[in-house]
Amino acid sequence: QVMTLGDLAGLSPERAKALLGSRG
């Protein structure tokens, strides 16, 4: 459910790493 750049911008660092790896 991360559809837009705004959705991605609101992710926590931990969630971003889980979805996109170390560059999250």
PDB file of all heavy atoms in Angstrom:
ATOM      1  N   GLN A   1       0.809  -1.225   0.000  1.00  0.00           N
ATOM      2  CA  GLN A   1       0.000   0.000   0.000  1.00  0.00           C
ATOM      3  C   GLN A   1       0.841   1.272   0.000  1.00  0.00           C
ATOM      4  O   GLN A   1       0.380   2.329   0.425  1.00  0.00           O
ATOM      5  CB  GLN A   1      -0.970   0.017   1.190  1.00  0.00           C
ATOM      6  CG  GLN A   1      -1.951  -1.149   1.204  1.00  0.00           C
ATOM      7  CD  GLN A   1      -2.774  -1.232  -0.084  1.00  0.00           C
ATOM      8  OE1 GLN A   1      -3.400  -0.255  -0.481  1.00  0.00           O
ATOM      9  NE2 GLN A   1      -2.751  -2.395  -0.747  1.00  0.00           N
ATOM     10  N   VAL A   2       2.061   1.179  -0.467  1.00  0.00           N
ATOM     11  CA  VAL A   2       2.900   2.365  -0.662  1.00  0.00           C
ATOM     12  C   VAL A   2       2.785   2.717  -2.140  1.00  0.00           C
ATOM     13  O   VAL A   2       3.554   2.255  -2.981  1.00  0.00           O
ATOM     14  CB  VAL A   2       4.368   2.108  -0.259  1.00  0.00           C
ATOM     15  CG1 VAL A   2       5.215   3.372  -0.445  1.00  0.00           C
ATOM     16  CG2 VAL A   2       4.443   1.632   1.189  1.00  0.00           C
ATOM     17  N   MET A   3       1.793   3.528  -2.465  1.00  0.00           N
ATOM     18  CA  MET A   3       1.438   3.786  -3.848  1.00  0.00           C
ATOM     19  C   MET A   3       2.092   5.038  -4.419  1.00  0.00           C
ATOM     20  O   MET A   3       2.372   5.118  -5.605  1.00  0.00           O
ATOM     21  CB  MET A   3      -0.083   3.935  -3.982  1.00  0.00           C
ATOM     22  CG  MET A   3      -0.889   2.897  -3.217  1.00  0.00           C
ATOM     23  SD  MET A   3      -0.849   1.276  -3.991  1.00  0.00           S
ATOM     24  CE  MET A   3      -1.897   1.547  -5.406  1.00  0.00           C
ATOM     25  N   THR A   4       2.293   6.035  -3.576  1.00  0.00           N
ATOM     26  CA  THR A   4       2.785   7.331  -4.043  1.00  0.00           C
ATOM     27  C   THR A   4       4.092   7.692  -3.346  1.00  0.00           C
ATOM     28  O   THR A   4       4.488   7.076  -2.347  1.00  0.00           O
ATOM     29  CB  THR A   4       1.759   8.442  -3.754  1.00  0.00           C
ATOM     30  OG1 THR A   4       1.647   8.608  -2.324  1.00  0.00           O
ATOM     31  CG2 THR A   4       0.395   8.094  -4.337  1.00  0.00           C
ATOM     32  N   LEU A   5       4.742   8.713  -3.871  1.00  0.00           N
ATOM     33  CA  LEU A   5       5.957   9.201  -3.224  1.00  0.00           C
ATOM     34  C   LEU A   5       5.647   9.749  -1.834  1.00  0.00           C
ATOM     35  O   LEU A   5       6.467   9.666  -0.921  1.00  0.00           O
ATOM     36  CB  LEU A   5       6.616  10.277  -4.091  1.00  0.00           C
ATOM     37  CG  LEU A   5       7.214   9.773  -5.407  1.00  0.00           C
ATOM     38  CD1 LEU A   5       7.746  10.944  -6.229  1.00  0.00           C
ATOM     39  CD2 LEU A   5       8.326   8.766  -5.156  1.00  0.00           C
ATOM     40  N   GLY A   6       4.449  10.300  -1.654  1.00  0.00           N
ATOM     41  CA  GLY A   6       4.045  10.763  -0.336  1.00  0.00           C
ATOM     42  C   GLY A   6       3.938   9.610   0.652  1.00  0.00           C
ATOM     43  O   GLY A   6       4.326   9.742   1.826  1.00  0.00           O
ATOM     44  N   ASP A   7       3.404   8.469   0.186  1.00  0.00           N
ATOM     45  CA  ASP A   7       3.339   7.284   1.050  1.00  0.00           C
ATOM     46  C   ASP A   7       4.741   6.849   1.458  1.00  0.00           C
ATOM     47  O   ASP A   7       4.985   6.523   2.632  1.00  0.00           O
ATOM     48  CB  ASP A   7       2.650   6.131   0.322  1.00  0.00           C
ATOM     49  CG  ASP A   7       1.181   6.407   0.019  1.00  0.00           C
ATOM     50  OD1 ASP A   7       0.575   7.230   0.737  1.00  0.00           O
ATOM     51  OD2 ASP A   7       0.662   5.816  -0.942  1.00  0.00           O
ATOM     52  N   LEU A   8       5.654   6.840   0.498  1.00  0.00           N
ATOM     53  CA  LEU A   8       7.029   6.434   0.786  1.00  0.00           C
ATOM     54  C   LEU A   8       7.697   7.424   1.734  1.00  0.00           C
ATOM     55  O   LEU A   8       8.422   7.028   2.658  1.00  0.00           O
ATOM     56  CB  LEU A   8       7.819   6.327  -0.520  1.00  0.00           C
ATOM     57  CG  LEU A   8       9.295   5.928  -0.401  1.00  0.00           C
ATOM     58  CD1 LEU A   8       9.452   4.585   0.296  1.00  0.00           C
ATOM     59  CD2 LEU A   8       9.952   5.878  -1.786  1.00  0.00           C
ATOM     60  N   ALA A   9       7.441   8.700   1.522  1.00  0.00           N
ATOM     61  CA  ALA A   9       8.054   9.730   2.357  1.00  0.00           C
ATOM     62  C   ALA A   9       7.649   9.604   3.817  1.00  0.00           C
ATOM     63  O   ALA A   9       8.374  10.047   4.712  1.00  0.00           O
ATOM     64  CB  ALA A   9       7.677  11.117   1.838  1.00  0.00           C
ATOM     65  N   GLY A  10       6.495   8.986   4.086  1.00  0.00           N
ATOM     66  CA  GLY A  10       6.007   8.867   5.453  1.00  0.00           C
ATOM     67  C   GLY A  10       6.475   7.624   6.174  1.00  0.00           C
ATOM     68  O   GLY A  10       6.140   7.445   7.358  1.00  0.00           O
ATOM     69  N   LEU A  11       7.251   6.761   5.511  1.00  0.00           N
ATOM     70  CA  LEU A  11       7.708   5.528   6.157  1.00  0.00           C
ATOM     71  C   LEU A  11       8.784   5.810   7.196  1.00  0.00           C
ATOM     72  O   LEU A  11       9.612   6.705   7.037  1.00  0.00           O
ATOM     73  CB  LEU A  11       8.260   4.545   5.121  1.00  0.00           C
ATOM     74  CG  LEU A  11       7.294   3.984   4.072  1.00  0.00           C
ATOM     75  CD1 LEU A  11       8.020   2.978   3.199  1.00  0.00           C
ATOM     76  CD2 LEU A  11       6.073   3.367   4.718  1.00  0.00           C
ATOM     77  N   SER A  12       8.797   5.010   8.227  1.00  0.00           N
ATOM     78  CA  SER A  12       9.877   5.086   9.220  1.00  0.00           C
ATOM     79  C   SER A  12      11.133   4.463   8.629  1.00  0.00           C
ATOM     80  O   SER A  12      11.051   3.653   7.687  1.00  0.00           O
ATOM     81  CB  SER A  12       9.479   4.327  10.485  1.00  0.00           C
ATOM     82  OG  SER A  12       9.395   2.926  10.209  1.00  0.00           O
ATOM     83  N   PRO A  13      12.319   4.801   9.156  1.00  0.00           N
ATOM     84  CA  PRO A  13      13.552   4.192   8.650  1.00  0.00           C
ATOM     85  C   PRO A  13      13.523   2.663   8.718  1.00  0.00           C
ATOM     86  O   PRO A  13      14.007   1.991   7.798  1.00  0.00           O
ATOM     87  CB  PRO A  13      14.636   4.773   9.554  1.00  0.00           C
ATOM     88  CG  PRO A  13      14.074   6.075  10.024  1.00  0.00           C
ATOM     89  CD  PRO A  13      12.595   5.838  10.167  1.00  0.00           C
ATOM     90  N   GLU A  14      12.947   2.132   9.791  1.00  0.00           N
ATOM     91  CA  GLU A  14      12.892   0.677   9.943  1.00  0.00           C
ATOM     92  C   GLU A  14      12.010   0.036   8.875  1.00  0.00           C
ATOM     93  O   GLU A  14      12.373  -1.001   8.287  1.00  0.00           O
ATOM     94  CB  GLU A  14      12.371   0.316  11.346  1.00  0.00           C
ATOM     95  CG  GLU A  14      13.258   0.739  12.503  1.00  0.00           C
ATOM     96  CD  GLU A  14      13.224   2.235  12.760  1.00  0.00           C
ATOM     97  OE1 GLU A  14      12.220   2.889  12.350  1.00  0.00           O
ATOM     98  OE2 GLU A  14      14.188   2.747  13.361  1.00  0.00           O
ATOM     99  N   ARG A  15      10.853   0.646   8.632  1.00  0.00           N
ATOM    100  CA  ARG A  15       9.950   0.109   7.618  1.00  0.00           C
ATOM    101  C   ARG A  15      10.571   0.228   6.225  1.00  0.00           C
ATOM    102  O   ARG A  15      10.440  -0.681   5.394  1.00  0.00           O
ATOM    103  CB  ARG A  15       8.619   0.871   7.662  1.00  0.00           C
ATOM    104  CG  ARG A  15       7.556   0.364   6.718  1.00  0.00           C
ATOM    105  CD  ARG A  15       7.141  -1.029   7.071  1.00  0.00           C
ATOM    106  NE  ARG A  15       6.021  -1.467   6.251  1.00  0.00           N
ATOM    107  CZ  ARG A  15       5.800  -2.746   5.936  1.00  0.00           C
ATOM    108  NH1 ARG A  15       6.623  -3.690   6.370  1.00  0.00           N
ATOM    109  NH2 ARG A  15       4.763  -3.071   5.195  1.00  0.00           N
ATOM    110  N   ALA A  16      11.254   1.333   5.975  1.00  0.00           N
ATOM    111  CA  ALA A  16      11.895   1.530   4.676  1.00  0.00           C
ATOM    112  C   ALA A  16      12.986   0.482   4.434  1.00  0.00           C
ATOM    113  O   ALA A  16      13.109  -0.058   3.329  1.00  0.00           O
ATOM    114  CB  ALA A  16      12.491   2.934   4.601  1.00  0.00           C
ATOM    115  N   LYS A  17      13.757   0.164   5.478  1.00  0.00           N
ATOM    116  CA  LYS A  17      14.793  -0.866   5.335  1.00  0.00           C
ATOM    117  C   LYS A  17      14.172  -2.228   5.078  1.00  0.00           C
ATOM    118  O   LYS A  17      14.702  -3.033   4.287  1.00  0.00           O
ATOM    119  CB  LYS A  17      15.652  -0.914   6.598  1.00  0.00           C
ATOM    120  CG  LYS A  17      16.629   0.243   6.734  1.00  0.00           C
ATOM    121  CD  LYS A  17      17.488   0.082   7.984  1.00  0.00           C
ATOM    122  CE  LYS A  17      18.472   1.237   8.117  1.00  0.00           C
ATOM    123  NZ  LYS A  17      19.309   1.097   9.340  1.00  0.00           N
ATOM    124  N   ALA A  18      13.049  -2.502   5.728  1.00  0.00           N
ATOM    125  CA  ALA A  18      12.392  -3.792   5.546  1.00  0.00           C
ATOM    126  C   ALA A  18      11.909  -3.962   4.109  1.00  0.00           C
ATOM    127  O   ALA A  18      11.933  -5.070   3.561  1.00  0.00           O
ATOM    128  CB  ALA A  18      11.230  -3.928   6.529  1.00  0.00           C
ATOM    129  N   LEU A  19      11.479  -2.874   3.492  1.00  0.00           N
ATOM    130  CA  LEU A  19      10.927  -2.951   2.142  1.00  0.00           C
ATOM    131  C   LEU A  19      11.978  -2.766   1.048  1.00  0.00           C
ATOM    132  O   LEU A  19      11.854  -3.348  -0.033  1.00  0.00           O
ATOM    133  CB  LEU A  19       9.824  -1.895   1.970  1.00  0.00           C
ATOM    134  CG  LEU A  19       8.542  -2.114   2.772  1.00  0.00           C
ATOM    135  CD1 LEU A  19       7.616  -0.911   2.601  1.00  0.00           C
ATOM    136  CD2 LEU A  19       7.838  -3.387   2.326  1.00  0.00           C
ATOM    137  N   LEU A  20      13.003  -1.949   1.327  1.00  0.00           N
ATOM    138  CA  LEU A  20      13.947  -1.565   0.272  1.00  0.00           C
ATOM    139  C   LEU A  20      15.398  -1.846   0.616  1.00  0.00           C
ATOM    140  O   LEU A  20      16.293  -1.441  -0.130  1.00  0.00           O
ATOM    141  CB  LEU A  20      13.772  -0.075  -0.051  1.00  0.00           C
ATOM    142  CG  LEU A  20      12.413   0.320  -0.640  1.00  0.00           C
ATOM    143  CD1 LEU A  20      12.274   1.840  -0.670  1.00  0.00           C
ATOM    144  CD2 LEU A  20      12.227  -0.254  -2.034  1.00  0.00           C
ATOM    145  N   GLY A  21      15.651  -2.503   1.720  1.00  0.00           N
ATOM    146  CA  GLY A  21      17.025  -2.812   2.082  1.00  0.00           C
ATOM    147  C   GLY A  21      17.736  -1.629   2.717  1.00  0.00           C
ATOM    148  O   GLY A  21      17.109  -0.658   3.155  1.00  0.00           O
ATOM    149  N   SER A  22      19.050  -1.694   2.731  1.00  0.00           N
ATOM    150  CA  SER A  22      19.841  -0.684   3.433  1.00  0.00           C
ATOM    151  C   SER A  22      19.685   0.717   2.852  1.00  0.00           C
ATOM    152  O   SER A  22      19.883   1.714   3.546  1.00  0.00           O
ATOM    153  CB  SER A  22      21.322  -1.075   3.415  1.00  0.00           C
ATOM    154  OG  SER A  22      21.797  -1.176   2.073  1.00  0.00           O
ATOM    155  N   ARG A  23      19.295   0.815   1.575  1.00  0.00           N
ATOM    156  CA  ARG A  23      19.118   2.122   0.951  1.00  0.00           C
ATOM    157  C   ARG A  23      17.733   2.710   1.202  1.00  0.00           C
ATOM    158  O   ARG A  23      17.428   3.804   0.743  1.00  0.00           O
ATOM    159  CB  ARG A  23      19.360   2.030  -0.561  1.00  0.00           C
ATOM    160  CG  ARG A  23      20.793   1.652  -0.939  1.00  0.00           C
ATOM    161  CD  ARG A  23      20.952   1.615  -2.444  1.00  0.00           C
ATOM    162  NE  ARG A  23      20.697   2.896  -3.060  1.00  0.00           N
ATOM    163  CZ  ARG A  23      20.491   3.072  -4.367  1.00  0.00           C
ATOM    164  NH1 ARG A  23      20.481   2.030  -5.177  1.00  0.00           N
ATOM    165  NH2 ARG A  23      20.263   4.280  -4.858  1.00  0.00           N
ATOM    166  N   GLY A  24      16.901   1.973   1.921  1.00  0.00           N
ATOM    167  CA  GLY A  24      15.536   2.413   2.149  1.00  0.00           C
ATOM    168  C   GLY A  24      15.414   3.830   2.687  1.00  0.00           C
ATOM    169  O   GLY A  24      14.665   4.649   2.130  1.00  0.00           O
TER     170      GLY A  24
END
